[in-house]
Amino acid sequence: MTRQRASAGQGKLGCILWLAVLAVAVIIAWEAIPVKIAAAELHDFMVEQAKFGAGSSQETIQTRIFNKAQELDLPIDKREISVVKAGGRIRMRASFTVPLDYPGYVYYWDFDIEVDRPIYIF
């Protein structure tokens, strides 16, 4: 019976450490996942503009991308969006940095979204 009493409380510290690790992971995910989803939506929108924006001017496409980024609450400046149509291709690039606020620390997450597609005009 003395052996059982001696080993009864050995797992408490490990449980507490794993709960702390889990709490940190949840806090990181709570901030990072919505930003990643918004960036992925902006990329999908840029691909869509590359597919169907062949008749639009570069400035119009740039404005559409900027408006979509504002709708998704991404901190982007219009000067950080470039759209180039040349040689039967359309190239788009959006670069921005999102600050993620964590308790006691701010992480700056850099995004550089690029789309390069041929223009098909039927």
PDB file of N, CA and C in Angstrom:
ATOM      1  N   MET A   1       0.813  -1.180   0.000  1.00  0.00           N
ATOM      2  CA  MET A   1       0.000   0.000   0.000  1.00  0.00           C
ATOM      3  C   MET A   1       0.868   1.260   0.000  1.00  0.00           C
ATOM      4  N   THR A   2       2.053   1.215   0.498  1.00  0.00           N
ATOM      5  CA  THR A   2       2.910   2.389   0.526  1.00  0.00           C
ATOM      6  C   THR A   2       3.394   2.766  -0.866  1.00  0.00           C
ATOM      7  N   ARG A   3       3.547   1.793  -1.729  1.00  0.00           N
ATOM      8  CA  ARG A   3       3.958   2.092  -3.102  1.00  0.00           C
ATOM      9  C   ARG A   3       2.876   2.875  -3.848  1.00  0.00           C
ATOM     10  N   GLN A   4       1.622   2.547  -3.646  1.00  0.00           N
ATOM     11  CA  GLN A   4       0.535   3.247  -4.316  1.00  0.00           C
ATOM     12  C   GLN A   4       0.441   4.698  -3.849  1.00  0.00           C
ATOM     13  N   ARG A   5       0.651   4.958  -2.585  1.00  0.00           N
ATOM     14  CA  ARG A   5       0.612   6.338  -2.089  1.00  0.00           C
ATOM     15  C   ARG A   5       1.767   7.152  -2.645  1.00  0.00           C
ATOM     16  N   ALA A   6       2.912   6.559  -2.812  1.00  0.00           N
ATOM     17  CA  ALA A   6       4.074   7.281  -3.315  1.00  0.00           C
ATOM     18  C   ALA A   6       3.916   7.652  -4.781  1.00  0.00           C
ATOM     19  N   SER A   7       3.212   6.861  -5.560  1.00  0.00           N
ATOM     20  CA  SER A   7       3.076   7.135  -6.986  1.00  0.00           C
ATOM     21  C   SER A   7       1.757   7.818  -7.338  1.00  0.00           C
ATOM     22  N   ALA A   8       0.965   8.147  -6.370  1.00  0.00           N
ATOM     23  CA  ALA A   8      -0.362   8.684  -6.653  1.00  0.00           C
ATOM     24  C   ALA A   8      -0.334  10.074  -7.273  1.00  0.00           C
ATOM     25  N   GLY A   9       0.604  10.962  -6.955  1.00  0.00           N
ATOM     26  CA  GLY A   9       0.574  12.328  -7.453  1.00  0.00           C
ATOM     27  C   GLY A   9       1.643  12.658  -8.459  1.00  0.00           C
ATOM     28  N   GLN A  10       2.244  11.697  -9.101  1.00  0.00           N
ATOM     29  CA  GLN A  10       3.360  11.948  -9.996  1.00  0.00           C
ATOM     30  C   GLN A  10       2.948  12.583 -11.314  1.00  0.00           C
ATOM     31  N   GLY A  11       1.734  12.442 -11.767  1.00  0.00           N
ATOM     32  CA  GLY A  11       1.341  12.938 -13.078  1.00  0.00           C
ATOM     33  C   GLY A  11       0.777  14.343 -13.087  1.00  0.00           C
ATOM     34  N   LYS A  12       0.665  15.020 -11.971  1.00  0.00           N
ATOM     35  CA  LYS A  12       0.025  16.333 -11.916  1.00  0.00           C
ATOM     36  C   LYS A  12       0.825  17.409 -12.638  1.00  0.00           C
ATOM     37  N   LEU A  13       2.134  17.412 -12.491  1.00  0.00           N
ATOM     38  CA  LEU A  13       2.959  18.422 -13.131  1.00  0.00           C
ATOM     39  C   LEU A  13       2.898  18.294 -14.654  1.00  0.00           C
ATOM     40  N   GLY A  14       2.948  17.089 -15.148  1.00  0.00           N
ATOM     41  CA  GLY A  14       2.856  16.875 -16.599  1.00  0.00           C
ATOM     42  C   GLY A  14       1.524  17.344 -17.158  1.00  0.00           C
ATOM     43  N   CYS A  15       0.458  17.099 -16.437  1.00  0.00           N
ATOM     44  CA  CYS A  15      -0.874  17.540 -16.869  1.00  0.00           C
ATOM     45  C   CYS A  15      -0.945  19.062 -16.920  1.00  0.00           C
ATOM     46  N   ILE A  16      -0.387  19.710 -15.930  1.00  0.00           N
ATOM     47  CA  ILE A  16      -0.399  21.176 -15.887  1.00  0.00           C
ATOM     48  C   ILE A  16       0.415  21.757 -17.043  1.00  0.00           C
ATOM     49  N   LEU A  17       1.569  21.162 -17.334  1.00  0.00           N
ATOM     50  CA  LEU A  17       2.396  21.641 -18.449  1.00  0.00           C
ATOM     51  C   LEU A  17       1.682  21.460 -19.788  1.00  0.00           C
ATOM     52  N   TRP A  18       1.039  20.323 -19.988  1.00  0.00           N
ATOM     53  CA  TRP A  18       0.310  20.105 -21.236  1.00  0.00           C
ATOM     54  C   TRP A  18      -0.869  21.059 -21.372  1.00  0.00           C
ATOM     55  N   LEU A  19      -1.538  21.364 -20.280  1.00  0.00           N
ATOM     56  CA  LEU A  19      -2.634  22.342 -20.325  1.00  0.00           C
ATOM     57  C   LEU A  19      -2.111  23.733 -20.662  1.00  0.00           C
ATOM     58  N   ALA A  20      -0.924  24.083 -20.160  1.00  0.00           N
ATOM     59  CA  ALA A  20      -0.317  25.375 -20.488  1.00  0.00           C
ATOM     60  C   ALA A  20       0.041  25.438 -21.975  1.00  0.00           C
ATOM     61  N   VAL A  21       0.609  24.352 -22.502  1.00  0.00           N
ATOM     62  CA  VAL A  21       0.942  24.300 -23.934  1.00  0.00           C
ATOM     63  C   VAL A  21      -0.327  24.404 -24.781  1.00  0.00           C
ATOM     64  N   LEU A  22      -1.362  23.719 -24.372  1.00  0.00           N
ATOM     65  CA  LEU A  22      -2.637  23.783 -25.088  1.00  0.00           C
ATOM     66  C   LEU A  22      -3.219  25.195 -25.061  1.00  0.00           C
ATOM     67  N   ALA A  23      -3.131  25.870 -23.912  1.00  0.00           N
ATOM     68  CA  ALA A  23      -3.638  27.241 -23.803  1.00  0.00           C
ATOM     69  C   ALA A  23      -2.875  28.188 -24.722  1.00  0.00           C
ATOM     70  N   VAL A  24      -1.562  28.045 -24.799  1.00  0.00           N
ATOM     71  CA  VAL A  24      -0.750  28.888 -25.694  1.00  0.00           C
ATOM     72  C   VAL A  24      -1.132  28.618 -27.149  1.00  0.00           C
ATOM     73  N   ALA A  25      -1.315  27.361 -27.516  1.00  0.00           N
ATOM     74  CA  ALA A  25      -1.701  27.018 -28.892  1.00  0.00           C
ATOM     75  C   ALA A  25      -3.063  27.606 -29.244  1.00  0.00           C
ATOM     76  N   VAL A  26      -3.999  27.578 -28.319  1.00  0.00           N
ATOM     77  CA  VAL A  26      -5.333  28.144 -28.573  1.00  0.00           C
ATOM     78  C   VAL A  26      -5.250  29.658 -28.747  1.00  0.00           C
ATOM     79  N   ILE A  27      -4.450  30.329 -27.943  1.00  0.00           N
ATOM     80  CA  ILE A  27      -4.293  31.786 -28.065  1.00  0.00           C
ATOM     81  C   ILE A  27      -3.673  32.152 -29.409  1.00  0.00           C
ATOM     82  N   ILE A  28      -2.652  31.419 -29.823  1.00  0.00           N
ATOM     83  CA  ILE A  28      -2.014  31.679 -31.119  1.00  0.00           C
ATOM     84  C   ILE A  28      -3.000  31.439 -32.254  1.00  0.00           C
ATOM     85  N   ALA A  29      -3.717  30.345 -32.209  1.00  0.00           N
ATOM     86  CA  ALA A  29      -4.679  30.021 -33.271  1.00  0.00           C
ATOM     87  C   ALA A  29      -5.812  31.035 -33.316  1.00  0.00           C
ATOM     88  N   TRP A  30      -6.255  31.526 -32.173  1.00  0.00           N
ATOM     89  CA  TRP A  30      -7.365  32.489 -32.106  1.00  0.00           C
ATOM     90  C   TRP A  30      -7.036  33.755 -32.889  1.00  0.00           C
ATOM     91  N   GLU A  31      -5.788  34.171 -32.873  1.00  0.00           N
ATOM     92  CA  GLU A  31      -5.372  35.370 -33.600  1.00  0.00           C
ATOM     93  C   GLU A  31      -4.988  35.059 -35.053  1.00  0.00           C
ATOM     94  N   ALA A  32      -4.321  33.946 -35.290  1.00  0.00           N
ATOM     95  CA  ALA A  32      -3.712  33.682 -36.596  1.00  0.00           C
ATOM     96  C   ALA A  32      -4.677  33.106 -37.627  1.00  0.00           C
ATOM     97  N   ILE A  33      -5.602  32.265 -37.228  1.00  0.00           N
ATOM     98  CA  ILE A  33      -6.475  31.594 -38.198  1.00  0.00           C
ATOM     99  C   ILE A  33      -7.350  32.571 -38.980  1.00  0.00           C
ATOM    100  N   PRO A  34      -8.009  33.553 -38.348  1.00  0.00           N
ATOM    101  CA  PRO A  34      -8.806  34.498 -39.148  1.00  0.00           C
ATOM    102  C   PRO A  34      -7.976  35.298 -40.155  1.00  0.00           C
ATOM    103  N   VAL A  35      -6.745  35.633 -39.790  1.00  0.00           N
ATOM    104  CA  VAL A  35      -5.872  36.376 -40.711  1.00  0.00           C
ATOM    105  C   VAL A  35      -5.496  35.493 -41.894  1.00  0.00           C
ATOM    106  N   LYS A  36      -5.178  34.248 -41.636  1.00  0.00           N
ATOM    107  CA  LYS A  36      -4.815  33.322 -42.716  1.00  0.00           C
ATOM    108  C   LYS A  36      -5.991  33.086 -43.655  1.00  0.00           C
ATOM    109  N   ILE A  37      -7.193  32.981 -43.112  1.00  0.00           N
ATOM    110  CA  ILE A  37      -8.387  32.795 -43.941  1.00  0.00           C
ATOM    111  C   ILE A  37      -8.622  34.026 -44.806  1.00  0.00           C
ATOM    112  N   ALA A  38      -8.468  35.224 -44.240  1.00  0.00           N
ATOM    113  CA  ALA A  38      -8.655  36.458 -45.005  1.00  0.00           C
ATOM    114  C   ALA A  38      -7.620  36.571 -46.120  1.00  0.00           C
ATOM    115  N   ALA A  39      -6.374  36.210 -45.845  1.00  0.00           N
ATOM    116  CA  ALA A  39      -5.333  36.249 -46.877  1.00  0.00           C
ATOM    117  C   ALA A  39      -5.623  35.245 -47.989  1.00  0.00           C
ATOM    118  N   ALA A  40      -6.124  34.081 -47.627  1.00  0.00           N
ATOM    119  CA  ALA A  40      -6.484  33.072 -48.639  1.00  0.00           C
ATOM    120  C   ALA A  40      -7.658  33.560 -49.496  1.00  0.00           C
ATOM    121  N   GLU A  41      -8.619  34.238 -48.885  1.00  0.00           N
ATOM    122  CA  GLU A  41      -9.741  34.797 -49.647  1.00  0.00           C
ATOM    123  C   GLU A  41      -9.256  35.871 -50.611  1.00  0.00           C
ATOM    124  N   LEU A  42      -8.292  36.694 -50.175  1.00  0.00           N
ATOM    125  CA  LEU A  42      -7.740  37.713 -51.069  1.00  0.00           C
ATOM    126  C   LEU A  42      -7.013  37.060 -52.240  1.00  0.00           C
ATOM    127  N   HIS A  43      -6.265  35.991 -51.979  1.00  0.00           N
ATOM    128  CA  HIS A  43      -5.588  35.278 -53.063  1.00  0.00           C
ATOM    129  C   HIS A  43      -6.601  34.713 -54.059  1.00  0.00           C
ATOM    130  N   ASP A  44      -7.662  34.096 -53.558  1.00  0.00           N
ATOM    131  CA  ASP A  44      -8.704  33.556 -54.443  1.00  0.00           C
ATOM    132  C   ASP A  44      -9.350  34.663 -55.272  1.00  0.00           C
ATOM    133  N   PHE A  45      -9.566  35.824 -54.657  1.00  0.00           N
ATOM    134  CA  PHE A  45     -10.147  36.951 -55.384  1.00  0.00           C
ATOM    135  C   PHE A  45      -9.198  37.436 -56.477  1.00  0.00           C
ATOM    136  N   MET A  46      -7.897  37.448 -56.183  1.00  0.00           N
ATOM    137  CA  MET A  46      -6.927  37.868 -57.191  1.00  0.00           C
ATOM    138  C   MET A  46      -6.883  36.879 -58.355  1.00  0.00           C
ATOM    139  N   VAL A  47      -6.980  35.603 -58.074  1.00  0.00           N
ATOM    140  CA  VAL A  47      -7.018  34.592 -59.137  1.00  0.00           C
ATOM    141  C   VAL A  47      -8.268  34.786 -59.993  1.00  0.00           C
ATOM    142  N   GLU A  48      -9.388  35.069 -59.346  1.00  0.00           N
ATOM    143  CA  GLU A  48     -10.632  35.326 -60.071  1.00  0.00           C
ATOM    144  C   GLU A  48     -10.510  36.564 -60.964  1.00  0.00           C
ATOM    145  N   GLN A  49      -9.876  37.599 -60.458  1.00  0.00           N
ATOM    146  CA  GLN A  49      -9.678  38.806 -61.263  1.00  0.00           C
ATOM    147  C   GLN A  49      -8.750  38.530 -62.445  1.00  0.00           C
ATOM    148  N   ALA A  50      -7.779  37.664 -62.238  1.00  0.00           N
ATOM    149  CA  ALA A  50      -6.878  37.312 -63.339  1.00  0.00           C
ATOM    150  C   ALA A  50      -7.610  36.521 -64.415  1.00  0.00           C
ATOM    151  N   LYS A  51      -8.549  35.680 -64.022  1.00  0.00           N
ATOM    152  CA  LYS A  51      -9.293  34.874 -64.984  1.00  0.00           C
ATOM    153  C   LYS A  51     -10.270  35.715 -65.796  1.00  0.00           C
ATOM    154  N   PHE A  52     -11.009  36.587 -65.096  1.00  0.00           N
ATOM    155  CA  PHE A  52     -12.119  37.267 -65.747  1.00  0.00           C
ATOM    156  C   PHE A  52     -11.921  38.766 -65.923  1.00  0.00           C
ATOM    157  N   GLY A  53     -10.760  39.281 -65.572  1.00  0.00           N
ATOM    158  CA  GLY A  53     -10.535  40.723 -65.677  1.00  0.00           C
ATOM    159  C   GLY A  53      -9.749  41.137 -66.897  1.00  0.00           C
ATOM    160  N   ALA A  54      -9.768  40.341 -67.937  1.00  0.00           N
ATOM    161  CA  ALA A  54      -8.973  40.644 -69.121  1.00  0.00           C
ATOM    162  C   ALA A  54      -9.408  41.949 -69.788  1.00  0.00           C
ATOM    163  N   GLY A  55     -10.689  42.280 -69.724  1.00  0.00           N
ATOM    164  CA  GLY A  55     -11.181  43.496 -70.354  1.00  0.00           C
ATOM    165  C   GLY A  55     -11.065  44.732 -69.484  1.00  0.00           C
ATOM    166  N   SER A  56     -10.651  44.574 -68.240  1.00  0.00           N
ATOM    167  CA  SER A  56     -10.545  45.702 -67.317  1.00  0.00           C
ATOM    168  C   SER A  56      -9.139  46.286 -67.349  1.00  0.00           C
ATOM    169  N   SER A  57      -9.045  47.558 -66.979  1.00  0.00           N
ATOM    170  CA  SER A  57      -7.732  48.209 -66.942  1.00  0.00           C
ATOM    171  C   SER A  57      -6.977  47.776 -65.682  1.00  0.00           C
ATOM    172  N   GLN A  58      -5.692  48.026 -65.686  1.00  0.00           N
ATOM    173  CA  GLN A  58      -4.857  47.670 -64.545  1.00  0.00           C
ATOM    174  C   GLN A  58      -5.299  48.425 -63.293  1.00  0.00           C
ATOM    175  N   GLU A  59      -5.639  49.694 -63.442  1.00  0.00           N
ATOM    176  CA  GLU A  59      -6.065  50.511 -62.305  1.00  0.00           C
ATOM    177  C   GLU A  59      -7.387  50.007 -61.730  1.00  0.00           C
ATOM    178  N   THR A  60      -8.293  49.563 -62.594  1.00  0.00           N
ATOM    179  CA  THR A  60      -9.577  49.035 -62.129  1.00  0.00           C
ATOM    180  C   THR A  60      -9.379  47.768 -61.323  1.00  0.00           C
ATOM    181  N   ILE A  61      -8.536  46.876 -61.805  1.00  0.00           N
ATOM    182  CA  ILE A  61      -8.253  45.630 -61.082  1.00  0.00           C
ATOM    183  C   ILE A  61      -7.567  45.940 -59.755  1.00  0.00           C
ATOM    184  N   GLN A  62      -6.639  46.888 -59.762  1.00  0.00           N
ATOM    185  CA  GLN A  62      -5.955  47.284 -58.537  1.00  0.00           C
ATOM    186  C   GLN A  62      -6.956  47.824 -57.505  1.00  0.00           C
ATOM    187  N   THR A  63      -7.894  48.626 -57.953  1.00  0.00           N
ATOM    188  CA  THR A  63      -8.914  49.173 -57.057  1.00  0.00           C
ATOM    189  C   THR A  63      -9.813  48.071 -56.515  1.00  0.00           C
ATOM    190  N   ARG A  64     -10.183  47.108 -57.343  1.00  0.00           N
ATOM    191  CA  ARG A  64     -11.009  45.989 -56.886  1.00  0.00           C
ATOM    192  C   ARG A  64     -10.286  45.174 -55.811  1.00  0.00           C
ATOM    193  N   ILE A  65      -9.011  44.917 -56.028  1.00  0.00           N
ATOM    194  CA  ILE A  65      -8.229  44.157 -55.045  1.00  0.00           C
ATOM    195  C   ILE A  65      -8.124  44.943 -53.746  1.00  0.00           C
ATOM    196  N   PHE A  66      -7.880  46.235 -53.849  1.00  0.00           N
ATOM    197  CA  PHE A  66      -7.789  47.069 -52.652  1.00  0.00           C
ATOM    198  C   PHE A  66      -9.112  47.069 -51.881  1.00  0.00           C
ATOM    199  N   ASN A  67     -10.227  47.208 -52.594  1.00  0.00           N
ATOM    200  CA  ASN A  67     -11.534  47.202 -51.929  1.00  0.00           C
ATOM    201  C   ASN A  67     -11.817  45.864 -51.251  1.00  0.00           C
ATOM    202  N   LYS A  68     -11.428  44.771 -51.896  1.00  0.00           N
ATOM    203  CA  LYS A  68     -11.622  43.450 -51.291  1.00  0.00           C
ATOM    204  C   LYS A  68     -10.762  43.306 -50.027  1.00  0.00           C
ATOM    205  N   ALA A  69      -9.530  43.798 -50.068  1.00  0.00           N
ATOM    206  CA  ALA A  69      -8.654  43.737 -48.896  1.00  0.00           C
ATOM    207  C   ALA A  69      -9.236  44.563 -47.750  1.00  0.00           C
ATOM    208  N   GLN A  70      -9.814  45.713 -48.063  1.00  0.00           N
ATOM    209  CA  GLN A  70     -10.452  46.535 -47.029  1.00  0.00           C
ATOM    210  C   GLN A  70     -11.664  45.815 -46.451  1.00  0.00           C
ATOM    211  N   GLU A  71     -12.417  45.146 -47.306  1.00  0.00           N
ATOM    212  CA  GLU A  71     -13.582  44.374 -46.858  1.00  0.00           C
ATOM    213  C   GLU A  71     -13.174  43.250 -45.911  1.00  0.00           C
ATOM    214  N   LEU A  72     -11.992  42.661 -46.154  1.00  0.00           N
ATOM    215  CA  LEU A  72     -11.486  41.559 -45.321  1.00  0.00           C
ATOM    216  C   LEU A  72     -10.695  42.062 -44.114  1.00  0.00           C
ATOM    217  N   ASP A  73     -10.633  43.372 -43.918  1.00  0.00           N
ATOM    218  CA  ASP A  73      -9.908  44.000 -42.805  1.00  0.00           C
ATOM    219  C   ASP A  73      -8.417  43.687 -42.820  1.00  0.00           C
ATOM    220  N   LEU A  74      -7.840  43.645 -44.009  1.00  0.00           N
ATOM    221  CA  LEU A  74      -6.403  43.443 -44.124  1.00  0.00           C
ATOM    222  C   LEU A  74      -5.728  44.811 -44.239  1.00  0.00           C
ATOM    223  N   PRO A  75      -4.678  45.048 -43.473  1.00  0.00           N
ATOM    224  CA  PRO A  75      -4.014  46.360 -43.492  1.00  0.00           C
ATOM    225  C   PRO A  75      -3.099  46.499 -44.704  1.00  0.00           C
ATOM    226  N   ILE A  76      -3.669  46.938 -45.806  1.00  0.00           N
ATOM    227  CA  ILE A  76      -2.910  47.046 -47.048  1.00  0.00           C
ATOM    228  C   ILE A  76      -3.077  48.445 -47.614  1.00  0.00           C
ATOM    229  N   ASP A  77      -2.013  48.943 -48.188  1.00  0.00           N
ATOM    230  CA  ASP A  77      -2.026  50.240 -48.842  1.00  0.00           C
ATOM    231  C   ASP A  77      -2.154  50.007 -50.351  1.00  0.00           C
ATOM    232  N   LYS A  78      -2.821  50.908 -51.020  1.00  0.00           N
ATOM    233  CA  LYS A  78      -3.051  50.725 -52.459  1.00  0.00           C
ATOM    234  C   LYS A  78      -1.729  50.684 -53.230  1.00  0.00           C
ATOM    235  N   ARG A  79      -0.713  51.348 -52.702  1.00  0.00           N
ATOM    236  CA  ARG A  79       0.597  51.340 -53.376  1.00  0.00           C
ATOM    237  C   ARG A  79       1.286  49.985 -53.266  1.00  0.00           C
ATOM    238  N   GLU A  80       0.828  49.137 -52.343  1.00  0.00           N
ATOM    239  CA  GLU A  80       1.431  47.808 -52.163  1.00  0.00           C
ATOM    240  C   GLU A  80       0.811  46.755 -53.084  1.00  0.00           C
ATOM    241  N   ILE A  81      -0.101  47.196 -53.947  1.00  0.00           N
ATOM    242  CA  ILE A  81      -0.755  46.295 -54.904  1.00  0.00           C
ATOM    243  C   ILE A  81      -0.272  46.677 -56.298  1.00  0.00           C
ATOM    244  N   SER A  82       0.259  45.704 -57.012  1.00  0.00           N
ATOM    245  CA  SER A  82       0.686  45.984 -58.383  1.00  0.00           C
ATOM    246  C   SER A  82      -0.018  45.032 -59.344  1.00  0.00           C
ATOM    247  N   VAL A  83      -0.433  45.578 -60.468  1.00  0.00           N
ATOM    248  CA  VAL A  83      -1.090  44.803 -61.516  1.00  0.00           C
ATOM    249  C   VAL A  83      -0.401  45.170 -62.829  1.00  0.00           C
ATOM    250  N   VAL A  84       0.097  44.167 -63.533  1.00  0.00           N
ATOM    251  CA  VAL A  84       0.792  44.394 -64.800  1.00  0.00           C
ATOM    252  C   VAL A  84       0.237  43.434 -65.836  1.00  0.00           C
ATOM    253  N   LYS A  85      -0.216  44.010 -66.952  1.00  0.00           N
ATOM    254  CA  LYS A  85      -0.628  43.202 -68.105  1.00  0.00           C
ATOM    255  C   LYS A  85       0.419  43.404 -69.188  1.00  0.00           C
ATOM    256  N   ALA A  86       1.074  42.314 -69.556  1.00  0.00           N
ATOM    257  CA  ALA A  86       2.108  42.419 -70.585  1.00  0.00           C
ATOM    258  C   ALA A  86       2.322  41.059 -71.224  1.00  0.00           C
ATOM    259  N   GLY A  87       2.477  41.058 -72.509  1.00  0.00           N
ATOM    260  CA  GLY A  87       2.821  39.836 -73.225  1.00  0.00           C
ATOM    261  C   GLY A  87       1.817  38.713 -73.095  1.00  0.00           C
ATOM    262  N   GLY A  88       0.534  39.041 -73.038  1.00  0.00           N
ATOM    263  CA  GLY A  88      -0.486  38.007 -72.925  1.00  0.00           C
ATOM    264  C   GLY A  88      -0.601  37.400 -71.538  1.00  0.00           C
ATOM    265  N   ARG A  89      -0.006  38.051 -70.550  1.00  0.00           N
ATOM    266  CA  ARG A  89      -0.065  37.570 -69.166  1.00  0.00           C
ATOM    267  C   ARG A  89      -0.523  38.706 -68.261  1.00  0.00           C
ATOM    268  N   ILE A  90      -1.059  38.326 -67.133  1.00  0.00           N
ATOM    269  CA  ILE A  90      -1.396  39.292 -66.101  1.00  0.00           C
ATOM    270  C   ILE A  90      -0.681  38.862 -64.826  1.00  0.00           C
ATOM    271  N   ARG A  91       0.024  39.799 -64.240  1.00  0.00           N
ATOM    272  CA  ARG A  91       0.767  39.542 -63.001  1.00  0.00           C
ATOM    273  C   ARG A  91       0.256  40.498 -61.932  1.00  0.00           C
ATOM    274  N   MET A  92      -0.112  39.925 -60.801  1.00  0.00           N
ATOM    275  CA  MET A  92      -0.606  40.723 -59.683  1.00  0.00           C
ATOM    276  C   MET A  92       0.197  40.359 -58.439  1.00  0.00           C
ATOM    277  N   ARG A  93       0.413  41.378 -57.615  1.00  0.00           N
ATOM    278  CA  ARG A  93       1.151  41.153 -56.378  1.00  0.00           C
ATOM    279  C   ARG A  93       0.608  42.074 -55.299  1.00  0.00           C
ATOM    280  N   ALA A  94       0.401  41.536 -54.130  1.00  0.00           N
ATOM    281  CA  ALA A  94      -0.032  42.314 -52.976  1.00  0.00           C
ATOM    282  C   ALA A  94       0.867  41.944 -51.801  1.00  0.00           C
ATOM    283  N   SER A  95       1.522  42.937 -51.225  1.00  0.00           N
ATOM    284  CA  SER A  95       2.407  42.725 -50.081  1.00  0.00           C
ATOM    285  C   SER A  95       1.889  43.541 -48.906  1.00  0.00           C
ATOM    286  N   PHE A  96       1.795  42.891 -47.757  1.00  0.00           N
ATOM    287  CA  PHE A  96       1.335  43.596 -46.569  1.00  0.00           C
ATOM    288  C   PHE A  96       1.770  42.841 -45.323  1.00  0.00           C
ATOM    289  N   THR A  97       1.707  43.525 -44.201  1.00  0.00           N
ATOM    290  CA  THR A  97       2.100  42.957 -42.914  1.00  0.00           C
ATOM    291  C   THR A  97       0.947  43.111 -41.940  1.00  0.00           C
ATOM    292  N   VAL A  98       0.619  42.023 -41.262  1.00  0.00           N
ATOM    293  CA  VAL A  98      -0.472  42.028 -40.290  1.00  0.00           C
ATOM    294  C   VAL A  98       0.136  41.861 -38.894  1.00  0.00           C
ATOM    295  N   PRO A  99      -0.098  42.829 -37.995  1.00  0.00           N
ATOM    296  CA  PRO A  99       0.390  42.648 -36.626  1.00  0.00           C
ATOM    297  C   PRO A  99      -0.576  41.774 -35.820  1.00  0.00           C
ATOM    298  N   LEU A 100      -0.047  40.743 -35.197  1.00  0.00           N
ATOM    299  CA  LEU A 100      -0.840  39.869 -34.335  1.00  0.00           C
ATOM    300  C   LEU A 100      -0.477  40.188 -32.883  1.00  0.00           C
ATOM    301  N   ASP A 101      -1.453  40.655 -32.116  1.00  0.00           N
ATOM    302  CA  ASP A 101      -1.224  41.054 -30.732  1.00  0.00           C
ATOM    303  C   ASP A 101      -1.438  39.871 -29.791  1.00  0.00           C
ATOM    304  N   TYR A 102      -0.358  39.490 -29.131  1.00  0.00           N
ATOM    305  CA  TYR A 102      -0.411  38.456 -28.120  1.00  0.00           C
ATOM    306  C   TYR A 102      -0.062  39.093 -26.777  1.00  0.00           C
ATOM    307  N   PRO A 103      -0.445  38.477 -25.689  1.00  0.00           N
ATOM    308  CA  PRO A 103      -0.098  39.047 -24.386  1.00  0.00           C
ATOM    309  C   PRO A 103       1.424  39.186 -24.226  1.00  0.00           C
ATOM    310  N   GLY A 104       1.887  40.416 -24.169  1.00  0.00           N
ATOM    311  CA  GLY A 104       3.306  40.680 -23.981  1.00  0.00           C
ATOM    312  C   GLY A 104       4.154  40.616 -25.239  1.00  0.00           C
ATOM    313  N   TYR A 105       3.544  40.408 -26.405  1.00  0.00           N
ATOM    314  CA  TYR A 105       4.329  40.264 -27.633  1.00  0.00           C
ATOM    315  C   TYR A 105       3.470  40.608 -28.842  1.00  0.00           C
ATOM    316  N   VAL A 106       4.074  41.280 -29.821  1.00  0.00           N
ATOM    317  CA  VAL A 106       3.412  41.559 -31.090  1.00  0.00           C
ATOM    318  C   VAL A 106       4.211  40.881 -32.196  1.00  0.00           C
ATOM    319  N   TYR A 107       3.548  39.995 -32.933  1.00  0.00           N
ATOM    320  CA  TYR A 107       4.190  39.294 -34.047  1.00  0.00           C
ATOM    321  C   TYR A 107       3.732  39.943 -35.344  1.00  0.00           C
ATOM    322  N   TYR A 108       4.672  40.285 -36.212  1.00  0.00           N
ATOM    323  CA  TYR A 108       4.356  40.901 -37.496  1.00  0.00           C
ATOM    324  C   TYR A 108       4.443  39.825 -38.576  1.00  0.00           C
ATOM    325  N   TRP A 109       3.277  39.480 -39.144  1.00  0.00           N
ATOM    326  CA  TRP A 109       3.172  38.405 -40.125  1.00  0.00           C
ATOM    327  C   TRP A 109       3.179  39.029 -41.517  1.00  0.00           C
ATOM    328  N   ASP A 110       4.207  38.731 -42.296  1.00  0.00           N
ATOM    329  CA  ASP A 110       4.357  39.283 -43.645  1.00  0.00           C
ATOM    330  C   ASP A 110       3.685  38.370 -44.662  1.00  0.00           C
ATOM    331  N   PHE A 111       2.920  38.994 -45.558  1.00  0.00           N
ATOM    332  CA  PHE A 111       2.272  38.284 -46.654  1.00  0.00           C
ATOM    333  C   PHE A 111       2.751  38.868 -47.964  1.00  0.00           C
ATOM    334  N   ASP A 112       2.994  38.023 -48.935  1.00  0.00           N
ATOM    335  CA  ASP A 112       3.370  38.433 -50.279  1.00  0.00           C
ATOM    336  C   ASP A 112       2.606  37.521 -51.244  1.00  0.00           C
ATOM    337  N   ILE A 113       1.452  38.001 -51.686  1.00  0.00           N
ATOM    338  CA  ILE A 113       0.566  37.191 -52.521  1.00  0.00           C
ATOM    339  C   ILE A 113       0.843  37.538 -53.983  1.00  0.00           C
ATOM    340  N   GLU A 114       1.136  36.521 -54.781  1.00  0.00           N
ATOM    341  CA  GLU A 114       1.427  36.724 -56.201  1.00  0.00           C
ATOM    342  C   GLU A 114       0.539  35.824 -57.055  1.00  0.00           C
ATOM    343  N   VAL A 115       0.076  36.395 -58.168  1.00  0.00           N
ATOM    344  CA  VAL A 115      -0.702  35.642 -59.154  1.00  0.00           C
ATOM    345  C   VAL A 115      -0.124  35.967 -60.521  1.00  0.00           C
ATOM    346  N   ASP A 116       0.188  34.950 -61.290  1.00  0.00           N
ATOM    347  CA  ASP A 116       0.726  35.117 -62.639  1.00  0.00           C
ATOM    348  C   ASP A 116      -0.003  34.128 -63.543  1.00  0.00           C
ATOM    349  N   ARG A 117      -0.831  34.659 -64.441  1.00  0.00           N
ATOM    350  CA  ARG A 117      -1.664  33.803 -65.302  1.00  0.00           C
ATOM    351  C   ARG A 117      -1.665  34.338 -66.728  1.00  0.00           C
ATOM    352  N   PRO A 118      -1.868  33.445 -67.680  1.00  0.00           N
ATOM    353  CA  PRO A 118      -2.072  33.915 -69.057  1.00  0.00           C
ATOM    354  C   PRO A 118      -3.463  34.534 -69.197  1.00  0.00           C
ATOM    355  N   ILE A 119      -3.556  35.492 -70.103  1.00  0.00           N
ATOM    356  CA  ILE A 119      -4.857  36.118 -70.389  1.00  0.00           C
ATOM    357  C   ILE A 119      -5.466  35.404 -71.581  1.00  0.00           C
ATOM    358  N   TYR A 120      -6.679  34.898 -71.381  1.00  0.00           N
ATOM    359  CA  TYR A 120      -7.397  34.250 -72.468  1.00  0.00           C
ATOM    360  C   TYR A 120      -8.529  35.159 -72.900  1.00  0.00           C
ATOM    361  N   ILE A 121      -8.504  35.573 -74.150  1.00  0.00           N
ATOM    362  CA  ILE A 121      -9.556  36.400 -74.695  1.00  0.00           C
ATOM    363  C   ILE A 121     -10.208  35.606 -75.820  1.00  0.00           C
ATOM    364  N   PHE A 122     -11.503  35.329 -75.657  1.00  0.00           N
ATOM    365  CA  PHE A 122     -12.216  34.525 -76.652  1.00  0.00           C
ATOM    366  C   PHE A 122     -13.021  35.407 -77.559  1.00  0.00           C
TER     367      PHE A 122
END
